[in-house]
C-alpha atoms as a PDB file:
ATOM      1  CA  UNK A   1      47.290 -54.774  44.274  1.00  0.00           C
ATOM      2  CA  UNK A   2      49.972 -52.375  45.381  1.00  0.00           C
ATOM      3  CA  UNK A   3      50.499 -49.099  43.557  1.00  0.00           C
ATOM      4  CA  UNK A   4      54.092 -48.921  44.754  1.00  0.00           C
ATOM      5  CA  UNK A   5      56.998 -50.188  42.704  1.00  0.00           C
ATOM      6  CA  UNK A   6      59.980 -51.315  44.736  1.00  0.00           C
ATOM      7  CA  UNK A   7      63.477 -52.532  44.051  1.00  0.00           C
ATOM      8  CA  UNK A   8      65.353 -54.595  46.591  1.00  0.00           C
ATOM      9  CA  UNK A   9      64.527 -55.340  50.200  1.00  0.00           C
ATOM     10  CA  UNK A  10      66.479 -54.181  53.235  1.00  0.00           C
ATOM     11  CA  UNK A  11      66.518 -56.785  56.047  1.00  0.00           C
ATOM     12  CA  UNK A  12      65.017 -55.348  59.221  1.00  0.00           C
ATOM     13  CA  UNK A  13      66.128 -57.941  61.735  1.00  0.00           C
ATOM     14  CA  UNK A  14      69.510 -59.461  62.568  1.00  0.00           C
ATOM     15  CA  UNK A  15      70.243 -63.058  61.536  1.00  0.00           C
ATOM     16  CA  UNK A  16      68.473 -65.709  63.596  1.00  0.00           C
ATOM     17  CA  UNK A  17      70.194 -66.376  66.894  1.00  0.00           C
ATOM     18  CA  UNK A  18      72.017 -63.033  67.014  1.00  0.00           C
ATOM     19  CA  UNK A  19      70.689 -60.500  69.493  1.00  0.00           C
ATOM     20  CA  UNK A  20      70.524 -56.945  68.230  1.00  0.00           C
ATOM     21  CA  UNK A  21      72.431 -54.357  70.255  1.00  0.00           C
ATOM     22  CA  UNK A  22      70.275 -51.534  71.583  1.00  0.00           C
ATOM     23  CA  UNK A  23      70.564 -48.519  69.306  1.00  0.00           C
ATOM     24  CA  UNK A  24      71.570 -45.028  70.423  1.00  0.00           C
ATOM     25  CA  UNK A  25      68.853 -42.436  71.078  1.00  0.00           C
ATOM     26  CA  UNK A  26      69.875 -38.889  70.145  1.00  0.00           C
ATOM     27  CA  UNK A  27      67.666 -36.027  71.339  1.00  0.00           C
ATOM     28  CA  UNK A  28      67.645 -32.508  69.889  1.00  0.00           C
ATOM     29  CA  UNK A  29      65.521 -29.731  68.409  1.00  0.00           C
ATOM     30  CA  UNK A  30      64.211 -28.875  64.958  1.00  0.00           C
ATOM     31  CA  UNK A  31      66.311 -25.719  64.718  1.00  0.00           C
ATOM     32  CA  UNK A  32      69.169 -24.009  66.484  1.00  0.00           C
ATOM     33  CA  UNK A  33      68.587 -20.623  64.784  1.00  0.00           C
ATOM     34  CA  UNK A  34      64.858 -20.076  65.356  1.00  0.00           C
ATOM     35  CA  UNK A  35      64.288 -16.388  66.155  1.00  0.00           C
ATOM     36  CA  UNK A  36      62.201 -17.193  69.209  1.00  0.00           C
ATOM     37  CA  UNK A  37      64.973 -19.415  70.569  1.00  0.00           C
ATOM     38  CA  UNK A  38      67.612 -16.746  69.933  1.00  0.00           C
ATOM     39  CA  UNK A  39      65.598 -14.175  71.891  1.00  0.00           C
ATOM     40  CA  UNK A  40      64.622 -16.548  74.708  1.00  0.00           C
ATOM     41  CA  UNK A  41      67.872 -16.390  76.665  1.00  0.00           C
ATOM     42  CA  UNK A  42      68.689 -20.072  76.140  1.00  0.00           C
ATOM     43  CA  UNK A  43      72.023 -19.194  74.570  1.00  0.00           C
ATOM     44  CA  UNK A  44      74.607 -17.476  76.787  1.00  0.00           C
ATOM     45  CA  UNK A  45      74.345 -13.719  76.270  1.00  0.00           C
ATOM     46  CA  UNK A  46      77.901 -13.402  74.991  1.00  0.00           C
ATOM     47  CA  UNK A  47      77.217 -15.760  72.061  1.00  0.00           C
ATOM     48  CA  UNK A  48      76.023 -13.449  69.297  1.00  0.00           C
ATOM     49  CA  UNK A  49      77.596 -15.150  66.287  1.00  0.00           C
ATOM     50  CA  UNK A  50      76.385 -18.148  64.307  1.00  0.00           C
ATOM     51  CA  UNK A  51      79.561 -20.145  64.876  1.00  0.00           C
ATOM     52  CA  UNK A  52      79.473 -19.737  68.655  1.00  0.00           C
ATOM     53  CA  UNK A  53      75.807 -20.664  68.890  1.00  0.00           C
ATOM     54  CA  UNK A  54      76.197 -23.850  66.887  1.00  0.00           C
ATOM     55  CA  UNK A  55      79.244 -24.881  68.902  1.00  0.00           C
ATOM     56  CA  UNK A  56      77.297 -24.248  72.107  1.00  0.00           C
ATOM     57  CA  UNK A  57      74.280 -26.174  70.834  1.00  0.00           C
ATOM     58  CA  UNK A  58      76.546 -29.137  70.039  1.00  0.00           C
ATOM     59  CA  UNK A  59      77.662 -29.275  73.685  1.00  0.00           C
ATOM     60  CA  UNK A  60      74.034 -29.634  74.781  1.00  0.00           C
ATOM     61  CA  UNK A  61      72.618 -31.944  72.098  1.00  0.00           C
ATOM     62  CA  UNK A  62      74.071 -34.452  69.609  1.00  0.00           C
ATOM     63  CA  UNK A  63      71.578 -33.894  66.778  1.00  0.00           C
ATOM     64  CA  UNK A  64      69.696 -31.002  65.174  1.00  0.00           C
ATOM     65  CA  UNK A  65      67.309 -30.525  62.285  1.00  0.00           C
ATOM     66  CA  UNK A  66      68.033 -27.947  59.581  1.00  0.00           C
ATOM     67  CA  UNK A  67      64.763 -26.391  58.448  1.00  0.00           C
ATOM     68  CA  UNK A  68      66.147 -23.474  56.393  1.00  0.00           C
ATOM     69  CA  UNK A  69      66.781 -25.884  53.514  1.00  0.00           C
ATOM     70  CA  UNK A  70      63.015 -26.272  53.081  1.00  0.00           C
ATOM     71  CA  UNK A  71      62.768 -22.594  52.093  1.00  0.00           C
ATOM     72  CA  UNK A  72      65.975 -22.191  50.069  1.00  0.00           C
ATOM     73  CA  UNK A  73      68.528 -24.511  48.556  1.00  0.00           C
ATOM     74  CA  UNK A  74      71.525 -25.086  50.826  1.00  0.00           C
ATOM     75  CA  UNK A  75      75.064 -24.038  49.977  1.00  0.00           C
ATOM     76  CA  UNK A  76      78.263 -26.048  49.981  1.00  0.00           C
ATOM     77  CA  UNK A  77      79.895 -23.308  52.070  1.00  0.00           C
ATOM     78  CA  UNK A  78      77.335 -23.600  54.869  1.00  0.00           C
ATOM     79  CA  UNK A  79      77.617 -27.384  54.890  1.00  0.00           C
ATOM     80  CA  UNK A  80      81.385 -27.078  55.241  1.00  0.00           C
ATOM     81  CA  UNK A  81      81.017 -24.543  58.073  1.00  0.00           C
ATOM     82  CA  UNK A  82      78.526 -26.742  59.933  1.00  0.00           C
ATOM     83  CA  UNK A  83      80.992 -29.596  59.658  1.00  0.00           C
ATOM     84  CA  UNK A  84      83.857 -27.490  61.014  1.00  0.00           C
ATOM     85  CA  UNK A  85      81.813 -26.202  63.943  1.00  0.00           C
ATOM     86  CA  UNK A  86      80.589 -29.555  65.266  1.00  0.00           C
ATOM     87  CA  UNK A  87      82.430 -32.569  66.680  1.00  0.00           C
ATOM     88  CA  UNK A  88      82.677 -36.037  65.224  1.00  0.00           C
ATOM     89  CA  UNK A  89      79.478 -37.946  65.883  1.00  0.00           C
ATOM     90  CA  UNK A  90      77.189 -34.904  65.667  1.00  0.00           C
ATOM     91  CA  UNK A  91      74.209 -35.335  63.312  1.00  0.00           C
ATOM     92  CA  UNK A  92      72.326 -32.922  61.049  1.00  0.00           C
ATOM     93  CA  UNK A  93      68.900 -33.995  59.793  1.00  0.00           C
ATOM     94  CA  UNK A  94      68.279 -31.775  56.756  1.00  0.00           C
ATOM     95  CA  UNK A  95      64.784 -30.903  55.584  1.00  0.00           C
ATOM     96  CA  UNK A  96      64.215 -31.368  51.861  1.00  0.00           C
ATOM     97  CA  UNK A  97      63.549 -28.308  49.717  1.00  0.00           C
ATOM     98  CA  UNK A  98      59.827 -27.578  49.367  1.00  0.00           C
ATOM     99  CA  UNK A  99      59.549 -28.306  45.640  1.00  0.00           C
ATOM    100  CA  UNK A 100      61.038 -31.784  46.121  1.00  0.00           C
ATOM    101  CA  UNK A 101      58.091 -32.708  48.340  1.00  0.00           C
ATOM    102  CA  UNK A 102      55.252 -31.161  46.315  1.00  0.00           C
ATOM    103  CA  UNK A 103      54.785 -27.979  48.377  1.00  0.00           C
ATOM    104  CA  UNK A 104      53.988 -24.581  46.837  1.00  0.00           C
ATOM    105  CA  UNK A 105      57.264 -22.820  46.076  1.00  0.00           C
ATOM    106  CA  UNK A 106      57.905 -19.227  45.106  1.00  0.00           C
ATOM    107  CA  UNK A 107      60.201 -18.690  42.103  1.00  0.00           C
ATOM    108  CA  UNK A 108      62.234 -16.384  44.353  1.00  0.00           C
ATOM    109  CA  UNK A 109      63.225 -19.409  46.427  1.00  0.00           C
ATOM    110  CA  UNK A 110      65.098 -20.812  43.428  1.00  0.00           C
ATOM    111  CA  UNK A 111      68.425 -19.765  41.940  1.00  0.00           C
ATOM    112  CA  UNK A 112      67.885 -17.021  39.366  1.00  0.00           C
ATOM    113  CA  UNK A 113      68.498 -19.276  36.360  1.00  0.00           C
ATOM    114  CA  UNK A 114      65.709 -21.672  37.422  1.00  0.00           C
ATOM    115  CA  UNK A 115      63.033 -19.122  38.325  1.00  0.00           C
ATOM    116  CA  UNK A 116      61.380 -18.886  34.882  1.00  0.00           C
ATOM    117  CA  UNK A 117      60.324 -22.531  35.184  1.00  0.00           C
ATOM    118  CA  UNK A 118      57.978 -21.631  38.072  1.00  0.00           C
ATOM    119  CA  UNK A 119      56.607 -18.285  36.920  1.00  0.00           C
ATOM    120  CA  UNK A 120      52.826 -18.141  37.333  1.00  0.00           C
ATOM    121  CA  UNK A 121      52.638 -21.426  39.243  1.00  0.00           C
ATOM    122  CA  UNK A 122      53.618 -20.481  42.782  1.00  0.00           C
ATOM    123  CA  UNK A 123      50.202 -19.341  44.042  1.00  0.00           C
ATOM    124  CA  UNK A 124      48.318 -22.573  43.579  1.00  0.00           C
ATOM    125  CA  UNK A 125      48.494 -25.884  45.305  1.00  0.00           C
ATOM    126  CA  UNK A 126      50.528 -28.227  43.087  1.00  0.00           C
ATOM    127  CA  UNK A 127      49.709 -31.809  42.434  1.00  0.00           C
ATOM    128  CA  UNK A 128      52.438 -34.346  43.142  1.00  0.00           C
ATOM    129  CA  UNK A 129      53.360 -34.585  39.471  1.00  0.00           C
ATOM    130  CA  UNK A 130      52.751 -30.993  38.318  1.00  0.00           C
ATOM    131  CA  UNK A 131      56.374 -29.855  38.344  1.00  0.00           C
ATOM    132  CA  UNK A 132      58.623 -30.520  35.375  1.00  0.00           C
ATOM    133  CA  UNK A 133      60.624 -33.686  36.205  1.00  0.00           C
ATOM    134  CA  UNK A 134      63.724 -32.167  34.609  1.00  0.00           C
ATOM    135  CA  UNK A 135      63.463 -29.187  36.972  1.00  0.00           C
ATOM    136  CA  UNK A 136      63.099 -31.507  39.971  1.00  0.00           C
ATOM    137  CA  UNK A 137      66.136 -33.489  38.858  1.00  0.00           C
ATOM    138  CA  UNK A 138      68.189 -30.296  38.554  1.00  0.00           C
ATOM    139  CA  UNK A 139      67.060 -29.101  41.982  1.00  0.00           C
ATOM    140  CA  UNK A 140      67.893 -32.476  43.488  1.00  0.00           C
ATOM    141  CA  UNK A 141      71.385 -32.380  41.990  1.00  0.00           C
ATOM    142  CA  UNK A 142      72.050 -28.921  43.432  1.00  0.00           C
ATOM    143  CA  UNK A 143      70.466 -29.782  46.779  1.00  0.00           C
ATOM    144  CA  UNK A 144      72.375 -33.040  47.234  1.00  0.00           C
ATOM    145  CA  UNK A 145      75.622 -31.576  45.886  1.00  0.00           C
ATOM    146  CA  UNK A 146      75.548 -28.791  48.473  1.00  0.00           C
ATOM    147  CA  UNK A 147      75.302 -31.366  51.268  1.00  0.00           C
ATOM    148  CA  UNK A 148      78.356 -33.350  50.226  1.00  0.00           C
ATOM    149  CA  UNK A 149      80.610 -31.832  52.956  1.00  0.00           C
ATOM    150  CA  UNK A 150      78.177 -33.067  55.616  1.00  0.00           C
ATOM    151  CA  UNK A 151      77.902 -36.466  53.990  1.00  0.00           C
ATOM    152  CA  UNK A 152      81.667 -36.947  53.600  1.00  0.00           C
ATOM    153  CA  UNK A 153      82.260 -35.957  57.225  1.00  0.00           C
ATOM    154  CA  UNK A 154      79.657 -38.401  58.544  1.00  0.00           C
ATOM    155  CA  UNK A 155      77.545 -35.535  59.941  1.00  0.00           C
ATOM    156  CA  UNK A 156      74.466 -36.154  57.773  1.00  0.00           C
ATOM    157  CA  UNK A 157      71.858 -38.036  59.766  1.00  0.00           C
ATOM    158  CA  UNK A 158      69.004 -37.994  57.261  1.00  0.00           C
ATOM    159  CA  UNK A 159      67.257 -35.989  54.583  1.00  0.00           C
ATOM    160  CA  UNK A 160      63.748 -35.300  55.872  1.00  0.00           C
ATOM    161  CA  UNK A 161      61.105 -35.539  53.154  1.00  0.00           C
ATOM    162  CA  UNK A 162      57.964 -34.078  54.717  1.00  0.00           C
ATOM    163  CA  UNK A 163      54.962 -34.430  52.416  1.00  0.00           C
ATOM    164  CA  UNK A 164      51.968 -32.026  52.573  1.00  0.00           C
ATOM    165  CA  UNK A 165      48.512 -32.840  54.009  1.00  0.00           C
ATOM    166  CA  UNK A 166      46.980 -33.197  50.541  1.00  0.00           C
ATOM    167  CA  UNK A 167      49.554 -35.862  49.633  1.00  0.00           C
ATOM    168  CA  UNK A 168      47.097 -38.700  50.225  1.00  0.00           C
ATOM    169  CA  UNK A 169      47.571 -42.472  49.981  1.00  0.00           C
ATOM    170  CA  UNK A 170      44.395 -42.826  47.924  1.00  0.00           C
ATOM    171  CA  UNK A 171      45.949 -40.785  45.109  1.00  0.00           C
ATOM    172  CA  UNK A 172      47.878 -43.004  42.688  1.00  0.00           C
ATOM    173  CA  UNK A 173      49.879 -39.960  41.585  1.00  0.00           C
ATOM    174  CA  UNK A 174      51.093 -39.437  45.147  1.00  0.00           C
ATOM    175  CA  UNK A 175      52.339 -43.007  45.356  1.00  0.00           C
ATOM    176  CA  UNK A 176      54.014 -42.721  41.981  1.00  0.00           C
ATOM    177  CA  UNK A 177      55.685 -39.483  43.095  1.00  0.00           C
ATOM    178  CA  UNK A 178      56.887 -41.149  46.292  1.00  0.00           C
ATOM    179  CA  UNK A 179      58.366 -44.006  44.267  1.00  0.00           C
ATOM    180  CA  UNK A 180      60.101 -41.450  42.030  1.00  0.00           C
ATOM    181  CA  UNK A 181      61.528 -39.703  45.109  1.00  0.00           C
ATOM    182  CA  UNK A 182      62.891 -43.050  46.289  1.00  0.00           C
ATOM    183  CA  UNK A 183      64.639 -43.654  42.970  1.00  0.00           C
ATOM    184  CA  UNK A 184      66.046 -40.117  42.882  1.00  0.00           C
ATOM    185  CA  UNK A 185      67.455 -40.367  46.427  1.00  0.00           C
ATOM    186  CA  UNK A 186      68.837 -43.909  46.183  1.00  0.00           C
ATOM    187  CA  UNK A 187      71.975 -44.210  48.286  1.00  0.00           C
ATOM    188  CA  UNK A 188      71.073 -41.268  50.529  1.00  0.00           C
ATOM    189  CA  UNK A 189      69.715 -41.572  54.093  1.00  0.00           C
ATOM    190  CA  UNK A 190      66.087 -40.450  53.784  1.00  0.00           C
ATOM    191  CA  UNK A 191      63.385 -40.131  56.447  1.00  0.00           C
ATOM    192  CA  UNK A 192      59.754 -39.688  55.370  1.00  0.00           C
ATOM    193  CA  UNK A 193      57.060 -37.820  57.291  1.00  0.00           C
ATOM    194  CA  UNK A 194      53.463 -37.838  56.083  1.00  0.00           C
ATOM    195  CA  UNK A 195      51.045 -35.074  57.059  1.00  0.00           C
ATOM    196  CA  UNK A 196      48.009 -37.055  55.879  1.00  0.00           C
ATOM    197  CA  UNK A 197      46.957 -39.580  58.567  1.00  0.00           C
ATOM    198  CA  UNK A 198      45.738 -42.115  56.021  1.00  0.00           C
ATOM    199  CA  UNK A 199      49.239 -43.432  55.373  1.00  0.00           C
ATOM    200  CA  UNK A 200      49.298 -44.971  58.870  1.00  0.00           C
ATOM    201  CA  UNK A 201      45.675 -46.038  59.203  1.00  0.00           C
ATOM    202  CA  UNK A 202      43.932 -49.324  58.481  1.00  0.00           C
ATOM    203  CA  UNK A 203      45.225 -51.566  55.715  1.00  0.00           C
ATOM    204  CA  UNK A 204      47.272 -48.694  54.276  1.00  0.00           C
ATOM    205  CA  UNK A 205      49.673 -48.822  57.220  1.00  0.00           C
ATOM    206  CA  UNK A 206      51.226 -52.157  56.265  1.00  0.00           C
ATOM    207  CA  UNK A 207      51.584 -51.149  52.614  1.00  0.00           C
ATOM    208  CA  UNK A 208      53.253 -47.864  53.578  1.00  0.00           C
ATOM    209  CA  UNK A 209      55.702 -49.597  55.909  1.00  0.00           C
ATOM    210  CA  UNK A 210      56.556 -52.259  53.328  1.00  0.00           C
ATOM    211  CA  UNK A 211      57.265 -49.676  50.626  1.00  0.00           C
ATOM    212  CA  UNK A 212      59.549 -47.631  52.891  1.00  0.00           C
ATOM    213  CA  UNK A 213      61.340 -50.808  53.999  1.00  0.00           C
ATOM    214  CA  UNK A 214      61.957 -51.869  50.418  1.00  0.00           C
ATOM    215  CA  UNK A 215      63.413 -48.452  49.589  1.00  0.00           C
ATOM    216  CA  UNK A 216      65.545 -48.330  52.745  1.00  0.00           C
ATOM    217  CA  UNK A 217      63.742 -45.174  53.883  1.00  0.00           C
ATOM    218  CA  UNK A 218      63.152 -44.358  57.559  1.00  0.00           C
ATOM    219  CA  UNK A 219      59.596 -43.682  58.672  1.00  0.00           C
ATOM    220  CA  UNK A 220      59.034 -40.627  60.877  1.00  0.00           C
ATOM    221  CA  UNK A 221      56.853 -41.113  63.942  1.00  0.00           C
ATOM    222  CA  UNK A 222      54.917 -38.047  65.083  1.00  0.00           C
ATOM    223  CA  UNK A 223      53.704 -36.696  68.410  1.00  0.00           C
ATOM    224  CA  UNK A 224      50.858 -34.201  68.106  1.00  0.00           C
ATOM    225  CA  UNK A 225      47.359 -33.585  69.390  1.00  0.00           C
ATOM    226  CA  UNK A 226      45.022 -36.505  68.704  1.00  0.00           C
ATOM    227  CA  UNK A 227      41.818 -34.430  68.713  1.00  0.00           C
ATOM    228  CA  UNK A 228      41.706 -33.412  65.047  1.00  0.00           C
ATOM    229  CA  UNK A 229      40.603 -35.257  61.887  1.00  0.00           C
ATOM    230  CA  UNK A 230      44.076 -34.558  60.488  1.00  0.00           C
ATOM    231  CA  UNK A 231      45.937 -35.930  63.521  1.00  0.00           C
ATOM    232  CA  UNK A 232      48.712 -38.366  62.660  1.00  0.00           C
ATOM    233  CA  UNK A 233      48.362 -41.458  64.876  1.00  0.00           C
ATOM    234  CA  UNK A 234      51.266 -41.988  67.320  1.00  0.00           C
ATOM    235  CA  UNK A 235      52.510 -45.137  65.597  1.00  0.00           C
ATOM    236  CA  UNK A 236      56.222 -45.966  65.695  1.00  0.00           C
ATOM    237  CA  UNK A 237      57.078 -47.914  62.541  1.00  0.00           C
ATOM    238  CA  UNK A 238      60.755 -48.756  62.114  1.00  0.00           C
ATOM    239  CA  UNK A 239      61.350 -49.260  58.412  1.00  0.00           C
ATOM    240  CA  UNK A 240      65.143 -49.041  58.296  1.00  0.00           C
ATOM    241  CA  UNK A 241      67.612 -50.841  60.583  1.00  0.00           C
ATOM    242  CA  UNK A 242      69.914 -47.826  60.333  1.00  0.00           C
ATOM    243  CA  UNK A 243      67.704 -45.009  61.609  1.00  0.00           C
ATOM    244  CA  UNK A 244      64.301 -44.213  63.104  1.00  0.00           C
ATOM    245  CA  UNK A 245      63.008 -40.676  63.680  1.00  0.00           C
ATOM    246  CA  UNK A 246      60.360 -39.123  65.929  1.00  0.00           C
ATOM    247  CA  UNK A 247      59.328 -35.475  65.622  1.00  0.00           C
ATOM    248  CA  UNK A 248      57.483 -33.825  68.521  1.00  0.00           C
ATOM    249  CA  UNK A 249      55.196 -31.088  67.185  1.00  0.00           C
ATOM    250  CA  UNK A 250      53.457 -30.222  70.447  1.00  0.00           C
ATOM    251  CA  UNK A 251      49.801 -30.875  71.191  1.00  0.00           C
ATOM    252  CA  UNK A 252      48.157 -27.594  70.296  1.00  0.00           C
ATOM    253  CA  UNK A 253      44.636 -27.948  68.872  1.00  0.00           C
ATOM    254  CA  UNK A 254      45.338 -25.015  66.537  1.00  0.00           C
ATOM    255  CA  UNK A 255      47.373 -27.422  64.397  1.00  0.00           C
ATOM    256  CA  UNK A 256      46.787 -26.667  60.731  1.00  0.00           C
ATOM    257  CA  UNK A 257      45.424 -23.168  61.383  1.00  0.00           C
ATOM    258  CA  UNK A 258      46.684 -19.826  62.587  1.00  0.00           C
ATOM    259  CA  UNK A 259      50.245 -18.619  62.860  1.00  0.00           C
ATOM    260  CA  UNK A 260      53.311 -20.758  63.377  1.00  0.00           C
ATOM    261  CA  UNK A 261      53.339 -19.779  67.046  1.00  0.00           C
ATOM    262  CA  UNK A 262      49.686 -20.763  67.462  1.00  0.00           C
ATOM    263  CA  UNK A 263      50.208 -24.129  65.782  1.00  0.00           C
ATOM    264  CA  UNK A 264      53.313 -25.145  67.704  1.00  0.00           C
ATOM    265  CA  UNK A 265      52.864 -23.414  71.072  1.00  0.00           C
ATOM    266  CA  UNK A 266      53.016 -26.178  73.651  1.00  0.00           C
ATOM    267  CA  UNK A 267      54.951 -26.916  76.821  1.00  0.00           C
ATOM    268  CA  UNK A 268      55.445 -30.639  77.210  1.00  0.00           C
ATOM    269  CA  UNK A 269      54.437 -31.976  80.620  1.00  0.00           C
ATOM    270  CA  UNK A 270      56.501 -34.703  82.265  1.00  0.00           C
ATOM    271  CA  UNK A 271      53.818 -37.349  81.711  1.00  0.00           C
ATOM    272  CA  UNK A 272      53.581 -36.470  78.004  1.00  0.00           C
ATOM    273  CA  UNK A 273      57.305 -37.071  77.635  1.00  0.00           C
ATOM    274  CA  UNK A 274      57.303 -40.172  79.818  1.00  0.00           C
ATOM    275  CA  UNK A 275      54.748 -41.965  77.651  1.00  0.00           C
ATOM    276  CA  UNK A 276      57.279 -41.833  74.813  1.00  0.00           C
ATOM    277  CA  UNK A 277      60.106 -43.455  76.783  1.00  0.00           C
ATOM    278  CA  UNK A 278      59.066 -47.075  76.066  1.00  0.00           C
ATOM    279  CA  UNK A 279      58.220 -46.165  72.480  1.00  0.00           C
ATOM    280  CA  UNK A 280      61.631 -44.627  71.818  1.00  0.00           C
ATOM    281  CA  UNK A 281      63.422 -47.511  73.505  1.00  0.00           C
ATOM    282  CA  UNK A 282      61.353 -49.945  71.481  1.00  0.00           C
ATOM    283  CA  UNK A 283      62.450 -48.149  68.325  1.00  0.00           C
ATOM    284  CA  UNK A 284      66.076 -48.359  69.506  1.00  0.00           C
ATOM    285  CA  UNK A 285      65.710 -52.131  69.749  1.00  0.00           C
ATOM    286  CA  UNK A 286      65.071 -52.180  66.002  1.00  0.00           C
ATOM    287  CA  UNK A 287      67.331 -49.385  64.696  1.00  0.00           C
ATOM    288  CA  UNK A 288      70.987 -48.488  65.201  1.00  0.00           C
ATOM    289  CA  UNK A 289      70.120 -44.847  65.858  1.00  0.00           C
ATOM    290  CA  UNK A 290      66.939 -43.042  66.921  1.00  0.00           C
ATOM    291  CA  UNK A 291      66.527 -39.274  66.528  1.00  0.00           C
ATOM    292  CA  UNK A 292      63.982 -37.569  68.810  1.00  0.00           C
ATOM    293  CA  UNK A 293      63.510 -33.985  67.616  1.00  0.00           C
ATOM    294  CA  UNK A 294      61.340 -31.305  69.228  1.00  0.00           C
ATOM    295  CA  UNK A 295      59.469 -28.870  67.002  1.00  0.00           C
ATOM    296  CA  UNK A 296      57.381 -26.998  69.603  1.00  0.00           C
ATOM    297  CA  UNK A 297      59.393 -23.936  68.620  1.00  0.00           C
ATOM    298  CA  UNK A 298      58.105 -21.097  70.787  1.00  0.00           C
ATOM    299  CA  UNK A 299      60.796 -19.338  72.845  1.00  0.00           C
ATOM    300  CA  UNK A 300      62.960 -22.109  74.329  1.00  0.00           C
ATOM    301  CA  UNK A 301      60.130 -24.639  74.741  1.00  0.00           C
ATOM    302  CA  UNK A 302      61.686 -27.114  72.310  1.00  0.00           C
ATOM    303  CA  UNK A 303      65.112 -26.929  73.956  1.00  0.00           C
ATOM    304  CA  UNK A 304      63.641 -27.357  77.428  1.00  0.00           C
ATOM    305  CA  UNK A 305      61.521 -30.323  76.322  1.00  0.00           C
ATOM    306  CA  UNK A 306      64.531 -31.904  74.625  1.00  0.00           C
ATOM    307  CA  UNK A 307      66.633 -31.461  77.753  1.00  0.00           C
ATOM    308  CA  UNK A 308      63.910 -33.092  79.861  1.00  0.00           C
ATOM    309  CA  UNK A 309      63.568 -35.981  77.425  1.00  0.00           C
ATOM    310  CA  UNK A 310      67.334 -36.469  77.337  1.00  0.00           C
ATOM    311  CA  UNK A 311      67.413 -36.693  81.136  1.00  0.00           C
ATOM    312  CA  UNK A 312      64.493 -39.135  81.243  1.00  0.00           C
ATOM    313  CA  UNK A 313      66.274 -41.367  78.729  1.00  0.00           C
ATOM    314  CA  UNK A 314      69.724 -40.813  80.251  1.00  0.00           C
ATOM    315  CA  UNK A 315      70.760 -40.050  76.666  1.00  0.00           C
ATOM    316  CA  UNK A 316      74.031 -38.289  75.682  1.00  0.00           C
ATOM    317  CA  UNK A 317      74.267 -34.480  75.821  1.00  0.00           C
ATOM    318  CA  UNK A 318      76.632 -34.340  72.868  1.00  0.00           C
ATOM    319  CA  UNK A 319      79.223 -36.482  71.090  1.00  0.00           C
ATOM    320  CA  UNK A 320      81.608 -37.799  73.679  1.00  0.00           C
ATOM    321  CA  UNK A 321      79.637 -36.346  76.603  1.00  0.00           C
ATOM    322  CA  UNK A 322      77.366 -38.167  79.044  1.00  0.00           C
ATOM    323  CA  UNK A 323      73.994 -36.834  80.141  1.00  0.00           C
END
């Protein structure tokens, strides 16, 4: 018996007899403002301002992930500026704020008027239902409201809900929380990444895919080392006909330990990228758009890997530009 509750089913295949057009594969990185990237020399030396860097990035890639929104709520002003600085057709995948996905969150990450609700709770690992639902609803309203300029301009690719490693499929509370997230985000483009491998293993895999399909949520495929008990299998479920997402985390065996640089330090070899070509094209046969985003964020490793992948796929450099 399923622990998910669903409402409505999104058809995943075109009507019988109609051949689906191959979707577009957009390749980019999981940040354009990472400090290591800024100091790597990837940007032209004369570009020292945020506006110039984003405009330059948008000439090289057609999609980017915003990770700053995981740490602090976004602002309407920034969303408007991102819209102004990028061309039509550019996509921002925006990472959901930490509290919305059950991660530990410092009160200082919240607006001042909401901080008292988290006092004394930030230093422990929360359960998926530990946070006051009213607080989560308020945070969601502020988070989604700040992204309206991106949404109105057609720049919003997806909201990335990345759940923590302890968010396990065997926990009924986790599944209930996921269902609540689906209801809260109804009408928004949402992509879901699990950090617990159990969601995509054994009998659980089909149940996970069915639930995401019914909610119209996009599953996130993951590339990472396969040598650890916590390794996410390299499955490529397509659970929404609108969008599929793959995030490339690198294949460092320090995953889950050490510093950010130790976890994500990896230079993708040509054969490691090439093995994903048929997978990404297979995803594009089932979704209108596929986002391939590189998160091996040490120096310019992610940008270089993304450029190599774009060339292997013969994918567009940016909106209106050919690779």
